[in-house]
């Protein structure tokens, strides 16, 4: 679980760095304060959701919970058709 914290911290750091670079280049110069806050918050929220889902996918893959879903035991019965 330690790698999830490291991964999340790196993603937050890259987000802050990217926002700083965009701020320095004047990307937000034509927007008002509320629009800048909304854009940054929306981007942060989307990044956080993507980071959390990627971390959960990796955690699920490494923990072995999904292995039972891929191994179906054959008990001699015919497969069901829908």
PDB file of N, CA and C in Angstrom:
ATOM      1  N   UNK A   1       0.823  -1.187   0.000  1.00  0.00           N
ATOM      2  CA  UNK A   1       0.000   0.000   0.000  1.00  0.00           C
ATOM      3  C   UNK A   1       0.875   1.263   0.000  1.00  0.00           C
ATOM      4  N   UNK A   2       2.125   1.091   0.311  1.00  0.00           N
ATOM      5  CA  UNK A   2       3.039   2.240   0.342  1.00  0.00           C
ATOM      6  C   UNK A   2       3.217   2.833  -1.042  1.00  0.00           C
ATOM      7  N   UNK A   3       3.231   1.987  -2.069  1.00  0.00           N
ATOM      8  CA  UNK A   3       3.442   2.469  -3.429  1.00  0.00           C
ATOM      9  C   UNK A   3       2.260   3.299  -3.909  1.00  0.00           C
ATOM     10  N   UNK A   4       1.062   3.056  -3.360  1.00  0.00           N
ATOM     11  CA  UNK A   4      -0.102   3.862  -3.717  1.00  0.00           C
ATOM     12  C   UNK A   4       0.097   5.290  -3.226  1.00  0.00           C
ATOM     13  N   UNK A   5       0.622   5.438  -2.029  1.00  0.00           N
ATOM     14  CA  UNK A   5       0.887   6.773  -1.491  1.00  0.00           C
ATOM     15  C   UNK A   5       1.975   7.480  -2.290  1.00  0.00           C
ATOM     16  N   UNK A   6       3.001   6.746  -2.680  1.00  0.00           N
ATOM     17  CA  UNK A   6       4.068   7.339  -3.485  1.00  0.00           C
ATOM     18  C   UNK A   6       3.520   7.752  -4.847  1.00  0.00           C
ATOM     19  N   UNK A   7       2.752   6.889  -5.480  1.00  0.00           N
ATOM     20  CA  UNK A   7       2.155   7.177  -6.775  1.00  0.00           C
ATOM     21  C   UNK A   7       1.244   8.399  -6.691  1.00  0.00           C
ATOM     22  N   UNK A   8       0.417   8.465  -5.662  1.00  0.00           N
ATOM     23  CA  UNK A   8      -0.491   9.600  -5.485  1.00  0.00           C
ATOM     24  C   UNK A   8       0.272  10.885  -5.241  1.00  0.00           C
ATOM     25  N   UNK A   9       1.327  10.811  -4.438  1.00  0.00           N
ATOM     26  CA  UNK A   9       2.135  12.001  -4.163  1.00  0.00           C
ATOM     27  C   UNK A   9       2.827  12.510  -5.424  1.00  0.00           C
ATOM     28  N   UNK A  10       3.336  11.599  -6.235  1.00  0.00           N
ATOM     29  CA  UNK A  10       3.978  11.996  -7.489  1.00  0.00           C
ATOM     30  C   UNK A  10       2.962  12.648  -8.420  1.00  0.00           C
ATOM     31  N   UNK A  11       1.755  12.097  -8.495  1.00  0.00           N
ATOM     32  CA  UNK A  11       0.718  12.677  -9.352  1.00  0.00           C
ATOM     33  C   UNK A  11       0.313  14.071  -8.875  1.00  0.00           C
ATOM     34  N   UNK A  12       0.171  14.263  -7.577  1.00  0.00           N
ATOM     35  CA  UNK A  12      -0.162  15.586  -7.045  1.00  0.00           C
ATOM     36  C   UNK A  12       0.976  16.560  -7.328  1.00  0.00           C
ATOM     37  N   UNK A  13       2.210  16.110  -7.151  1.00  0.00           N
ATOM     38  CA  UNK A  13       3.356  16.967  -7.433  1.00  0.00           C
ATOM     39  C   UNK A  13       3.422  17.381  -8.896  1.00  0.00           C
ATOM     40  N   UNK A  14       3.174  16.447  -9.798  1.00  0.00           N
ATOM     41  CA  UNK A  14       3.157  16.770 -11.225  1.00  0.00           C
ATOM     42  C   UNK A  14       2.012  17.714 -11.572  1.00  0.00           C
ATOM     43  N   UNK A  15       0.882  17.552 -10.916  1.00  0.00           N
ATOM     44  CA  UNK A  15      -0.246  18.456 -11.132  1.00  0.00           C
ATOM     45  C   UNK A  15       0.109  19.876 -10.709  1.00  0.00           C
ATOM     46  N   UNK A  16       0.711  20.006  -9.549  1.00  0.00           N
ATOM     47  CA  UNK A  16       1.099  21.338  -9.060  1.00  0.00           C
ATOM     48  C   UNK A  16       2.161  21.951  -9.967  1.00  0.00           C
ATOM     49  N   UNK A  17       3.116  21.154 -10.412  1.00  0.00           N
ATOM     50  CA  UNK A  17       4.144  21.636 -11.330  1.00  0.00           C
ATOM     51  C   UNK A  17       3.533  22.096 -12.655  1.00  0.00           C
ATOM     52  N   UNK A  18       2.615  21.324 -13.197  1.00  0.00           N
ATOM     53  CA  UNK A  18       1.962  21.693 -14.454  1.00  0.00           C
ATOM     54  C   UNK A  18       1.145  22.978 -14.299  1.00  0.00           C
ATOM     55  N   UNK A  19       0.444  23.114 -13.182  1.00  0.00           N
ATOM     56  CA  UNK A  19      -0.318  24.344 -12.941  1.00  0.00           C
ATOM     57  C   UNK A  19       0.610  25.542 -12.810  1.00  0.00           C
ATOM     58  N   UNK A  20       1.738  25.355 -12.149  1.00  0.00           N
ATOM     59  CA  UNK A  20       2.714  26.439 -12.012  1.00  0.00           C
ATOM     60  C   UNK A  20       3.292  26.862 -13.359  1.00  0.00           C
ATOM     61  N   UNK A  21       3.593  25.890 -14.203  1.00  0.00           N
ATOM     62  CA  UNK A  21       4.120  26.201 -15.543  1.00  0.00           C
ATOM     63  C   UNK A  21       3.066  26.934 -16.367  1.00  0.00           C
ATOM     64  N   UNK A  22       1.814  26.462 -16.308  1.00  0.00           N
ATOM     65  CA  UNK A  22       0.750  27.134 -17.054  1.00  0.00           C
ATOM     66  C   UNK A  22       0.523  28.552 -16.528  1.00  0.00           C
ATOM     67  N   UNK A  23       0.599  28.725 -15.208  1.00  0.00           N
ATOM     68  CA  UNK A  23       0.426  30.048 -14.613  1.00  0.00           C
ATOM     69  C   UNK A  23       1.555  30.971 -15.078  1.00  0.00           C
ATOM     70  N   UNK A  24       2.768  30.456 -15.096  1.00  0.00           N
ATOM     71  CA  UNK A  24       3.913  31.244 -15.542  1.00  0.00           C
ATOM     72  C   UNK A  24       3.841  31.617 -17.010  1.00  0.00           C
ATOM     73  N   UNK A  25       3.264  30.756 -17.834  1.00  0.00           N
ATOM     74  CA  UNK A  25       3.126  31.046 -19.257  1.00  0.00           C
ATOM     75  C   UNK A  25       1.935  31.963 -19.562  1.00  0.00           C
ATOM     76  N   UNK A  26       1.135  32.248 -18.561  1.00  0.00           N
ATOM     77  CA  UNK A  26      -0.003  33.152 -18.735  1.00  0.00           C
ATOM     78  C   UNK A  26      -1.226  32.501 -19.320  1.00  0.00           C
ATOM     79  N   UNK A  27      -1.376  31.208 -19.149  1.00  0.00           N
ATOM     80  CA  UNK A  27      -2.536  30.504 -19.692  1.00  0.00           C
ATOM     81  C   UNK A  27      -3.831  30.995 -19.043  1.00  0.00           C
ATOM     82  N   UNK A  28      -3.766  31.356 -17.784  1.00  0.00           N
ATOM     83  CA  UNK A  28      -4.965  31.770 -17.045  1.00  0.00           C
ATOM     84  C   UNK A  28      -5.168  33.276 -17.032  1.00  0.00           C
ATOM     85  N   UNK A  29      -4.417  34.033 -17.827  1.00  0.00           N
ATOM     86  CA  UNK A  29      -4.464  35.498 -17.743  1.00  0.00           C
ATOM     87  C   UNK A  29      -5.802  36.079 -18.194  1.00  0.00           C
ATOM     88  N   UNK A  30      -6.505  35.435 -19.106  1.00  0.00           N
ATOM     89  CA  UNK A  30      -7.774  35.969 -19.589  1.00  0.00           C
ATOM     90  C   UNK A  30      -8.977  35.544 -18.775  1.00  0.00           C
ATOM     91  N   UNK A  31      -8.785  34.734 -17.766  1.00  0.00           N
ATOM     92  CA  UNK A  31      -9.898  34.212 -16.974  1.00  0.00           C
ATOM     93  C   UNK A  31     -10.032  34.965 -15.662  1.00  0.00           C
ATOM     94  N   UNK A  32     -11.232  34.980 -15.140  1.00  0.00           N
ATOM     95  CA  UNK A  32     -11.463  35.569 -13.831  1.00  0.00           C
ATOM     96  C   UNK A  32     -11.046  34.594 -12.729  1.00  0.00           C
ATOM     97  N   UNK A  33     -11.121  35.055 -11.504  1.00  0.00           N
ATOM     98  CA  UNK A  33     -10.709  34.247 -10.354  1.00  0.00           C
ATOM     99  C   UNK A  33     -11.568  32.989 -10.212  1.00  0.00           C
ATOM    100  N   UNK A  34     -12.876  33.132 -10.368  1.00  0.00           N
ATOM    101  CA  UNK A  34     -13.771  31.978 -10.237  1.00  0.00           C
ATOM    102  C   UNK A  34     -13.524  30.957 -11.346  1.00  0.00           C
ATOM    103  N   UNK A  35     -13.258  31.434 -12.545  1.00  0.00           N
ATOM    104  CA  UNK A  35     -13.014  30.520 -13.661  1.00  0.00           C
ATOM    105  C   UNK A  35     -11.695  29.775 -13.479  1.00  0.00           C
ATOM    106  N   UNK A  36     -10.677  30.464 -12.980  1.00  0.00           N
ATOM    107  CA  UNK A  36      -9.389  29.803 -12.724  1.00  0.00           C
ATOM    108  C   UNK A  36      -9.559  28.743 -11.643  1.00  0.00           C
ATOM    109  N   UNK A  37     -10.267  29.085 -10.568  1.00  0.00           N
ATOM    110  CA  UNK A  37     -10.501  28.117  -9.495  1.00  0.00           C
ATOM    111  C   UNK A  37     -11.287  26.916 -10.015  1.00  0.00           C
ATOM    112  N   UNK A  38     -12.320  27.169 -10.810  1.00  0.00           N
ATOM    113  CA  UNK A  38     -13.138  26.073 -11.341  1.00  0.00           C
ATOM    114  C   UNK A  38     -12.319  25.176 -12.264  1.00  0.00           C
ATOM    115  N   UNK A  39     -11.483  25.780 -13.108  1.00  0.00           N
ATOM    116  CA  UNK A  39     -10.659  24.988 -14.027  1.00  0.00           C
ATOM    117  C   UNK A  39      -9.652  24.140 -13.256  1.00  0.00           C
ATOM    118  N   UNK A  40      -8.991  24.739 -12.268  1.00  0.00           N
ATOM    119  CA  UNK A  40      -8.003  23.993 -11.480  1.00  0.00           C
ATOM    120  C   UNK A  40      -8.665  22.907 -10.636  1.00  0.00           C
ATOM    121  N   UNK A  41      -9.804  23.221 -10.042  1.00  0.00           N
ATOM    122  CA  UNK A  41     -10.498  22.236  -9.215  1.00  0.00           C
ATOM    123  C   UNK A  41     -11.018  21.073 -10.061  1.00  0.00           C
ATOM    124  N   UNK A  42     -11.578  21.393 -11.220  1.00  0.00           N
ATOM    125  CA  UNK A  42     -12.076  20.340 -12.110  1.00  0.00           C
ATOM    126  C   UNK A  42     -10.954  19.443 -12.612  1.00  0.00           C
ATOM    127  N   UNK A  43      -9.829  20.052 -12.966  1.00  0.00           N
ATOM    128  CA  UNK A  43      -8.681  19.264 -13.422  1.00  0.00           C
ATOM    129  C   UNK A  43      -8.122  18.416 -12.289  1.00  0.00           C
ATOM    130  N   UNK A  44      -8.040  18.989 -11.095  1.00  0.00           N
ATOM    131  CA  UNK A  44      -7.554  18.223  -9.937  1.00  0.00           C
ATOM    132  C   UNK A  44      -8.488  17.072  -9.614  1.00  0.00           C
ATOM    133  N   UNK A  45      -9.788  17.308  -9.668  1.00  0.00           N
ATOM    134  CA  UNK A  45     -10.750  16.256  -9.360  1.00  0.00           C
ATOM    135  C   UNK A  45     -10.668  15.118 -10.379  1.00  0.00           C
ATOM    136  N   UNK A  46     -10.566  15.464 -11.653  1.00  0.00           N
ATOM    137  CA  UNK A  46     -10.441  14.428 -12.689  1.00  0.00           C
ATOM    138  C   UNK A  46      -9.140  13.643 -12.534  1.00  0.00           C
ATOM    139  N   UNK A  47      -8.063  14.344 -12.198  1.00  0.00           N
ATOM    140  CA  UNK A  47      -6.775  13.676 -11.972  1.00  0.00           C
ATOM    141  C   UNK A  47      -6.842  12.767 -10.751  1.00  0.00           C
ATOM    142  N   UNK A  48      -7.484  13.236  -9.692  1.00  0.00           N
ATOM    143  CA  UNK A  48      -7.604  12.431  -8.479  1.00  0.00           C
ATOM    144  C   UNK A  48      -8.427  11.168  -8.720  1.00  0.00           C
ATOM    145  N   UNK A  49      -9.520  11.295  -9.457  1.00  0.00           N
ATOM    146  CA  UNK A  49     -10.345  10.121  -9.756  1.00  0.00           C
ATOM    147  C   UNK A  49      -9.574   9.130 -10.617  1.00  0.00           C
ATOM    148  N   UNK A  50      -8.880   9.623 -11.639  1.00  0.00           N
ATOM    149  CA  UNK A  50      -8.078   8.746 -12.491  1.00  0.00           C
ATOM    150  C   UNK A  50      -6.965   8.064 -11.726  1.00  0.00           C
ATOM    151  N   UNK A  51      -6.299   8.814 -10.845  1.00  0.00           N
ATOM    152  CA  UNK A  51      -5.224   8.245 -10.033  1.00  0.00           C
ATOM    153  C   UNK A  51      -5.764   7.178  -9.091  1.00  0.00           C
ATOM    154  N   UNK A  52      -6.897   7.461  -8.457  1.00  0.00           N
ATOM    155  CA  UNK A  52      -7.487   6.489  -7.527  1.00  0.00           C
ATOM    156  C   UNK A  52      -7.920   5.216  -8.251  1.00  0.00           C
ATOM    157  N   UNK A  53      -8.530   5.358  -9.411  1.00  0.00           N
ATOM    158  CA  UNK A  53      -8.962   4.168 -10.152  1.00  0.00           C
ATOM    159  C   UNK A  53      -7.774   3.351 -10.642  1.00  0.00           C
ATOM    160  N   UNK A  54      -6.715   4.019 -11.088  1.00  0.00           N
ATOM    161  CA  UNK A  54      -5.518   3.300 -11.542  1.00  0.00           C
ATOM    162  C   UNK A  54      -4.859   2.576 -10.361  1.00  0.00           C
ATOM    163  N   UNK A  55      -4.800   3.231  -9.212  1.00  0.00           N
ATOM    164  CA  UNK A  55      -4.210   2.599  -8.031  1.00  0.00           C
ATOM    165  C   UNK A  55      -5.045   1.404  -7.585  1.00  0.00           C
ATOM    166  N   UNK A  56      -6.366   1.536  -7.611  1.00  0.00           N
ATOM    167  CA  UNK A  56      -7.218   0.413  -7.222  1.00  0.00           C
ATOM    168  C   UNK A  56      -7.110  -0.746  -8.199  1.00  0.00           C
ATOM    169  N   UNK A  57      -6.968  -0.443  -9.481  1.00  0.00           N
ATOM    170  CA  UNK A  57      -6.787  -1.503 -10.475  1.00  0.00           C
ATOM    171  C   UNK A  57      -5.496  -2.264 -10.224  1.00  0.00           C
ATOM    172  N   UNK A  58      -4.428  -1.527  -9.971  1.00  0.00           N
ATOM    173  CA  UNK A  58      -3.139  -2.176  -9.700  1.00  0.00           C
ATOM    174  C   UNK A  58      -3.189  -2.972  -8.404  1.00  0.00           C
ATOM    175  N   UNK A  59      -3.835  -2.403  -7.380  1.00  0.00           N
ATOM    176  CA  UNK A  59      -3.942  -3.097  -6.099  1.00  0.00           C
ATOM    177  C   UNK A  59      -4.751  -4.382  -6.247  1.00  0.00           C
ATOM    178  N   UNK A  60      -5.835  -4.312  -6.983  1.00  0.00           N
ATOM    179  CA  UNK A  60      -6.668  -5.498  -7.191  1.00  0.00           C
ATOM    180  C   UNK A  60      -5.909  -6.565  -7.968  1.00  0.00           C
ATOM    181  N   UNK A  61      -5.128  -6.147  -8.947  1.00  0.00           N
ATOM    182  CA  UNK A  61      -4.360  -7.089  -9.754  1.00  0.00           C
ATOM    183  C   UNK A  61      -3.282  -7.774  -8.915  1.00  0.00           C
ATOM    184  N   UNK A  62      -2.608  -7.020  -8.075  1.00  0.00           N
ATOM    185  CA  UNK A  62      -1.518  -7.581  -7.269  1.00  0.00           C
ATOM    186  C   UNK A  62      -2.008  -8.412  -6.094  1.00  0.00           C
ATOM    187  N   UNK A  63      -3.208  -8.134  -5.602  1.00  0.00           N
ATOM    188  CA  UNK A  63      -3.694  -8.844  -4.419  1.00  0.00           C
ATOM    189  C   UNK A  63      -4.217 -10.232  -4.737  1.00  0.00           C
ATOM    190  N   UNK A  64      -4.566 -10.482  -5.991  1.00  0.00           N
ATOM    191  CA  UNK A  64      -5.027 -11.804  -6.379  1.00  0.00           C
ATOM    192  C   UNK A  64      -6.523 -12.011  -6.266  1.00  0.00           C
ATOM    193  N   UNK A  65      -7.273 -10.962  -5.952  1.00  0.00           N
ATOM    194  CA  UNK A  65      -8.721 -11.101  -5.842  1.00  0.00           C
ATOM    195  C   UNK A  65      -9.366 -11.439  -7.180  1.00  0.00           C
ATOM    196  N   UNK A  66      -8.761 -10.974  -8.269  1.00  0.00           N
ATOM    197  CA  UNK A  66      -9.345 -11.203  -9.576  1.00  0.00           C
ATOM    198  C   UNK A  66      -9.015 -12.580 -10.149  1.00  0.00           C
ATOM    199  N   UNK A  67      -8.100 -13.294  -9.549  1.00  0.00           N
ATOM    200  CA  UNK A  67      -7.675 -14.586 -10.087  1.00  0.00           C
ATOM    201  C   UNK A  67      -8.820 -15.602 -10.068  1.00  0.00           C
ATOM    202  N   UNK A  68      -9.667 -15.545  -9.069  1.00  0.00           N
ATOM    203  CA  UNK A  68     -10.761 -16.509  -8.981  1.00  0.00           C
ATOM    204  C   UNK A  68     -11.804 -16.274 -10.067  1.00  0.00           C
ATOM    205  N   UNK A  69     -11.880 -15.075 -10.595  1.00  0.00           N
ATOM    206  CA  UNK A  69     -12.842 -14.776 -11.649  1.00  0.00           C
ATOM    207  C   UNK A  69     -12.395 -15.337 -13.000  1.00  0.00           C
ATOM    208  N   UNK A  70     -11.106 -15.525 -13.177  1.00  0.00           N
ATOM    209  CA  UNK A  70     -10.567 -16.012 -14.447  1.00  0.00           C
ATOM    210  C   UNK A  70     -10.476 -17.532 -14.516  1.00  0.00           C
ATOM    211  N   UNK A  71     -10.573 -18.207 -13.401  1.00  0.00           N
ATOM    212  CA  UNK A  71     -10.431 -19.657 -13.362  1.00  0.00           C
ATOM    213  C   UNK A  71     -11.784 -20.272 -13.022  1.00  0.00           C
ATOM    214  N   UNK A  72     -12.460 -20.739 -14.032  1.00  0.00           N
ATOM    215  CA  UNK A  72     -13.751 -21.377 -13.841  1.00  0.00           C
ATOM    216  C   UNK A  72     -13.529 -22.878 -13.850  1.00  0.00           C
ATOM    217  N   UNK A  73     -14.015 -23.542 -12.816  1.00  0.00           N
ATOM    218  CA  UNK A  73     -13.843 -24.983 -12.729  1.00  0.00           C
ATOM    219  C   UNK A  73     -14.861 -25.686 -13.626  1.00  0.00           C
ATOM    220  N   UNK A  74     -14.378 -26.670 -14.350  1.00  0.00           N
ATOM    221  CA  UNK A  74     -15.258 -27.450 -15.213  1.00  0.00           C
ATOM    222  C   UNK A  74     -15.802 -28.627 -14.407  1.00  0.00           C
ATOM    223  N   UNK A  75     -17.097 -28.645 -14.219  1.00  0.00           N
ATOM    224  CA  UNK A  75     -17.739 -29.711 -13.442  1.00  0.00           C
ATOM    225  C   UNK A  75     -18.503 -30.661 -14.327  1.00  0.00           C
ATOM    226  N   UNK A  76     -18.180 -30.654 -15.628  1.00  0.00           N
ATOM    227  CA  UNK A  76     -18.817 -31.577 -16.532  1.00  0.00           C
ATOM    228  C   UNK A  76     -20.126 -31.092 -17.104  1.00  0.00           C
ATOM    229  N   UNK A  77     -20.567 -29.944 -16.723  1.00  0.00           N
ATOM    230  CA  UNK A  77     -21.831 -29.450 -17.255  1.00  0.00           C
ATOM    231  C   UNK A  77     -21.568 -28.581 -18.487  1.00  0.00           C
ATOM    232  N   UNK A  78     -22.541 -28.510 -19.324  1.00  0.00           N
ATOM    233  CA  UNK A  78     -22.427 -27.707 -20.541  1.00  0.00           C
ATOM    234  C   UNK A  78     -22.510 -26.224 -20.174  1.00  0.00           C
ATOM    235  N   UNK A  79     -21.820 -25.398 -20.912  1.00  0.00           N
ATOM    236  CA  UNK A  79     -21.875 -23.974 -20.614  1.00  0.00           C
ATOM    237  C   UNK A  79     -23.266 -23.409 -20.924  1.00  0.00           C
ATOM    238  N   UNK A  80     -23.660 -22.451 -20.141  1.00  0.00           N
ATOM    239  CA  UNK A  80     -24.968 -21.829 -20.319  1.00  0.00           C
ATOM    240  C   UNK A  80     -24.908 -20.837 -21.476  1.00  0.00           C
ATOM    241  N   UNK A  81     -25.952 -20.836 -22.261  1.00  0.00           N
ATOM    242  CA  UNK A  81     -26.062 -19.856 -23.333  1.00  0.00           C
ATOM    243  C   UNK A  81     -27.175 -18.905 -22.990  1.00  0.00           C
ATOM    244  N   UNK A  82     -26.980 -17.677 -23.322  1.00  0.00           N
ATOM    245  CA  UNK A  82     -27.983 -16.658 -22.980  1.00  0.00           C
ATOM    246  C   UNK A  82     -28.707 -16.184 -24.189  1.00  0.00           C
TER     247      UNK A  82
END
